[in-house]
Amino acid sequence: MATREELRAAYEAGATISQVARQFGMDPSWVSRKIKSSGAAMRPRGAASPKSTSITNEMVRLSEQGKLHKQIAHEFGVSRQAVSRRLISAGHRRYAPSMGA
C-alpha cells in the first residue's frame, strides 16, 4: 500500500486525484482524504494539471500542423471526441471561419 507521502508526491507532480488513485489501485475518495491530511495544497476541482496543459498544447500544435483529430487521438490513446473537447476548451479552431459568411 502506498504511503501518504507517495500519494502526495504523485499529486504534487501534477497528477489528478483520479490518476493517483488509478496509479496505486486505490479509491479516489480515500486518496483525496490522505493527500489532504498530508498537508498538500489542493488544486481547485477541475483545475488543469501542468501535465494536462502540456498535453492540450501538444494537441493544438499537432492540429495546427494539419493532423486529423483521429490521428491525434491515436497518438495519445484517447477518443477523437476527447481531442475535440480539449481543442475547443483551448480555444483552438481547426478551420478558419469562411469569409463573407
Protein backbone atom coordinates (compact mmCIF):
# COMPACT_ATOMS: atom_id res chain seq x y z
CA MET A 1 0.00 0.00 0.00
CA ALA A 2 1.25 3.45 -0.89
CA THR A 3 2.27 5.83 1.85
CA ARG A 4 0.69 9.22 2.34
CA GLU A 5 3.97 10.77 1.16
CA GLU A 6 3.95 8.74 -2.09
CA LEU A 7 0.36 9.82 -2.80
CA ARG A 8 1.21 13.44 -2.07
CA ALA A 9 4.34 13.33 -4.25
CA ALA A 10 2.38 11.96 -7.22
CA TYR A 11 -0.30 14.64 -6.76
CA GLU A 12 2.23 17.44 -6.41
CA ALA A 13 3.99 16.18 -9.56
CA GLY A 14 0.83 17.13 -11.47
CA ALA A 15 -1.36 14.02 -11.40
CA THR A 16 -5.05 14.39 -10.59
CA ILE A 17 -6.65 12.61 -7.63
CA SER A 18 -8.18 10.10 -10.08
CA GLN A 19 -4.83 9.47 -11.74
CA VAL A 20 -3.12 8.94 -8.38
CA ALA A 21 -5.89 6.56 -7.32
CA ARG A 22 -5.52 4.53 -10.55
CA GLN A 23 -1.74 4.50 -10.28
CA PHE A 24 -1.86 2.98 -6.80
CA GLY A 25 -5.07 0.94 -7.25
CA MET A 26 -7.00 2.84 -4.57
CA ASP A 27 -10.35 4.56 -4.14
CA PRO A 28 -10.23 8.24 -5.24
CA SER A 29 -12.12 9.45 -2.13
CA TRP A 30 -9.66 7.69 0.15
CA VAL A 31 -6.69 9.07 -1.82
CA SER A 32 -8.12 12.59 -1.62
CA ARG A 33 -8.52 12.37 2.16
CA LYS A 34 -4.97 11.06 2.60
CA ILE A 35 -3.47 13.77 0.40
CA LYS A 36 -5.44 16.50 2.21
CA SER A 37 -4.40 15.14 5.60
CA SER A 38 -0.74 15.20 4.47
CA GLY A 39 -0.96 18.99 4.28
CA ALA A 40 -0.70 19.23 0.49
CA ALA A 41 -2.07 22.36 -1.16
CA MET A 42 -5.09 21.11 -3.08
CA ARG A 43 -5.80 22.39 -6.59
CA PRO A 44 -9.34 23.61 -7.30
CA ARG A 45 -11.63 20.86 -8.54
CA GLY A 46 -11.43 20.68 -12.32
CA ALA A 47 -8.23 22.73 -12.47
CA ALA A 48 -5.90 21.59 -15.22
CA SER A 49 -2.74 19.92 -14.04
CA PRO A 50 0.55 21.02 -15.61
CA LYS A 51 0.74 17.69 -17.45
CA SER A 52 -2.81 18.11 -18.79
CA THR A 53 -2.00 21.60 -20.04
CA SER A 54 1.11 20.40 -21.86
CA ILE A 55 -0.88 17.58 -23.49
CA THR A 56 -3.50 20.05 -24.69
CA ASN A 57 -0.80 22.35 -26.04
CA GLU A 58 0.75 19.44 -27.93
CA MET A 59 -2.66 18.50 -29.37
CA VAL A 60 -3.14 22.09 -30.57
CA ARG A 61 0.32 22.06 -32.16
CA LEU A 62 -0.39 18.80 -33.99
CA SER A 63 -3.77 20.06 -35.18
CA GLU A 64 -2.17 23.25 -36.49
CA GLN A 65 0.27 21.07 -38.43
CA GLY A 66 -2.71 19.52 -40.19
CA LYS A 67 -3.09 16.25 -38.30
CA LEU A 68 -6.64 14.93 -38.09
CA HIS A 69 -8.31 14.59 -34.69
CA LYS A 70 -8.43 10.84 -35.30
CA GLN A 71 -4.64 10.76 -35.76
CA ILE A 72 -4.03 12.87 -32.66
CA ALA A 73 -6.39 10.64 -30.67
CA HIS A 74 -4.46 7.56 -31.73
CA GLU A 75 -1.16 9.17 -30.70
CA PHE A 76 -2.45 9.95 -27.20
CA GLY A 77 -4.58 6.83 -26.73
CA VAL A 78 -7.83 8.76 -26.33
CA SER A 79 -11.04 9.15 -28.33
CA ARG A 80 -11.47 11.61 -31.19
CA GLN A 81 -14.14 13.31 -29.10
CA ALA A 82 -11.66 13.79 -26.23
CA VAL A 83 -9.27 15.52 -28.63
CA SER A 84 -12.08 17.73 -29.95
CA ARG A 85 -13.12 18.71 -26.40
CA ARG A 86 -9.56 19.63 -25.45
CA LEU A 87 -9.02 21.68 -28.59
CA ILE A 88 -12.32 23.52 -28.13
CA SER A 89 -11.59 24.20 -24.45
CA ALA A 90 -8.21 25.63 -25.51
CA GLY A 91 -10.00 27.99 -27.91
CA HIS A 92 -8.49 26.28 -30.95
CA ARG A 93 -10.47 26.47 -34.16
CA ARG A 94 -9.48 23.82 -36.66
CA TYR A 95 -10.85 25.72 -39.61
CA ALA A 96 -10.80 29.45 -40.11
CA PRO A 97 -14.28 30.99 -40.39
CA SER A 98 -15.35 31.39 -44.01
CA MET A 99 -15.05 34.85 -45.48
CA GLY A 100 -18.27 36.66 -46.26
CA ALA A 101 -20.50 34.17 -44.45
